[in-house]
Amino acid sequence: MPNGQTQRMTQSCAGKMRSGSTGQASFAVANPQVTPPGFLGAGDDLVAGVDQQVLDLERQPLVPISVVFHRYTFEGDLIRRSVVFTDRAKATAA
């Protein structure tokens, strides 16, 4: 996947998370930090490893930092399917 498309996907996903009613309620009390340190290919899919950290509004951790793997399936330039895994091997399995 071209780097520009990866950047647009990351920005789009973050924006959608913030725009839903659940996302708005979450952002009223927390400041989730999501950092994708890398991307992996999985056939035609893309897997983003994500370091997640959820802080309260005073920047204190609400839960321990965790790593999850978001697997994206595309149809053209659009995300057709997104699945979150806690295990890298399962996320990248065909």
Protein backbone atom coordinates (compact mmCIF):
# COMPACT_ATOMS: atom_id res chain seq x y z
CA MET A 1 0.00 0.00 0.00
CA PRO A 2 1.45 3.39 -0.91
CA ASN A 3 2.55 5.52 2.06
CA GLY A 4 0.03 8.29 1.27
CA GLN A 5 -2.83 5.79 1.37
CA THR A 6 -1.61 4.45 4.73
CA GLN A 7 -1.53 7.99 6.14
CA ARG A 8 -5.05 8.77 4.84
CA MET A 9 -6.36 5.51 6.33
CA THR A 10 -4.82 6.28 9.73
CA GLN A 11 -6.29 9.80 9.76
CA SER A 12 -9.68 8.57 8.57
CA CYS A 13 -9.93 5.88 11.24
CA ALA A 14 -8.98 8.32 14.00
CA GLY A 15 -11.56 10.84 12.79
CA LYS A 16 -14.35 8.25 12.62
CA MET A 17 -13.55 7.03 16.14
CA ARG A 18 -13.91 10.57 17.49
CA SER A 19 -17.14 11.35 15.60
CA GLY A 20 -19.46 8.59 16.91
CA SER A 21 -21.57 9.06 20.05
CA THR A 22 -19.52 6.45 21.94
CA GLY A 23 -16.33 8.16 20.81
CA GLN A 24 -17.61 11.57 21.91
CA ALA A 25 -18.54 10.24 25.37
CA SER A 26 -15.14 8.57 25.69
CA PHE A 27 -13.26 11.74 24.75
CA ALA A 28 -15.22 13.68 27.41
CA VAL A 29 -13.38 11.73 30.16
CA ALA A 30 -10.33 10.23 28.49
CA ASN A 31 -7.55 10.99 26.07
CA PRO A 32 -6.80 7.79 24.13
CA GLN A 33 -3.38 7.77 22.48
CA VAL A 34 -2.88 5.44 19.51
CA THR A 35 0.52 5.04 17.88
CA PRO A 36 0.95 2.67 14.93
CA PRO A 37 4.66 1.73 15.07
CA GLY A 38 4.43 -0.36 11.94
CA PHE A 39 2.40 -2.04 9.24
CA LEU A 40 2.52 -5.64 8.01
CA GLY A 41 1.20 -7.20 4.86
CA ALA A 42 -1.22 -10.12 5.21
CA GLY A 43 -2.05 -11.25 1.68
CA ASP A 44 -4.01 -8.35 0.16
CA ASP A 45 -4.82 -7.02 3.65
CA LEU A 46 -2.88 -4.59 5.80
CA VAL A 47 -2.22 -5.13 9.52
CA ALA A 48 -1.39 -2.13 11.69
CA GLY A 49 0.29 -2.88 14.99
CA VAL A 50 -1.02 -0.30 17.46
CA ASP A 51 0.33 0.75 20.84
CA GLN A 52 -2.71 1.93 22.79
CA GLN A 53 -2.64 4.10 25.86
CA VAL A 54 -5.72 5.58 27.54
CA LEU A 55 -5.15 8.56 29.79
CA ASP A 56 -7.60 10.60 31.80
CA LEU A 57 -7.81 14.33 31.12
CA GLU A 58 -5.05 14.92 33.67
CA ARG A 59 -2.80 12.59 31.61
CA GLN A 60 -2.85 9.78 34.18
CA PRO A 61 -3.15 6.21 32.80
CA LEU A 62 -6.60 4.64 33.11
CA VAL A 63 -5.46 1.19 31.94
CA PRO A 64 -2.06 -0.36 31.16
CA ILE A 65 -0.55 0.24 27.73
CA SER A 66 -1.53 -2.55 25.35
CA VAL A 67 -0.67 -3.62 21.83
CA VAL A 68 -3.37 -4.67 19.40
CA PHE A 69 -3.37 -5.42 15.70
CA HIS A 70 -5.94 -3.89 13.33
CA ARG A 71 -6.38 -5.90 10.14
CA TYR A 72 -7.87 -3.97 7.22
CA THR A 73 -9.40 -5.41 4.06
CA PHE A 74 -9.79 -2.95 1.19
CA GLU A 75 -12.10 -2.53 -1.74
CA GLY A 76 -10.30 -0.08 -3.98
CA ASP A 77 -9.19 2.80 -1.73
CA LEU A 78 -11.93 2.12 0.84
CA ILE A 79 -11.74 0.00 3.97
CA ARG A 80 -14.23 -2.82 3.49
CA ARG A 81 -13.54 -4.65 6.77
CA SER A 82 -11.63 -3.99 9.97
CA VAL A 83 -10.93 -6.62 12.64
CA VAL A 84 -8.95 -6.08 15.86
CA PHE A 85 -6.72 -8.85 17.23
CA THR A 86 -4.67 -9.09 20.41
CA ASP A 87 -2.33 -11.68 18.87
CA ARG A 88 0.01 -10.77 15.99
CA ALA A 89 0.11 -14.30 14.55
CA LYS A 90 -3.68 -14.50 14.37
CA ALA A 91 -3.88 -11.02 12.82
CA THR A 92 -1.47 -11.93 10.02
CA ALA A 93 -2.71 -15.49 9.37
CA ALA A 94 -4.21 -16.00 5.92
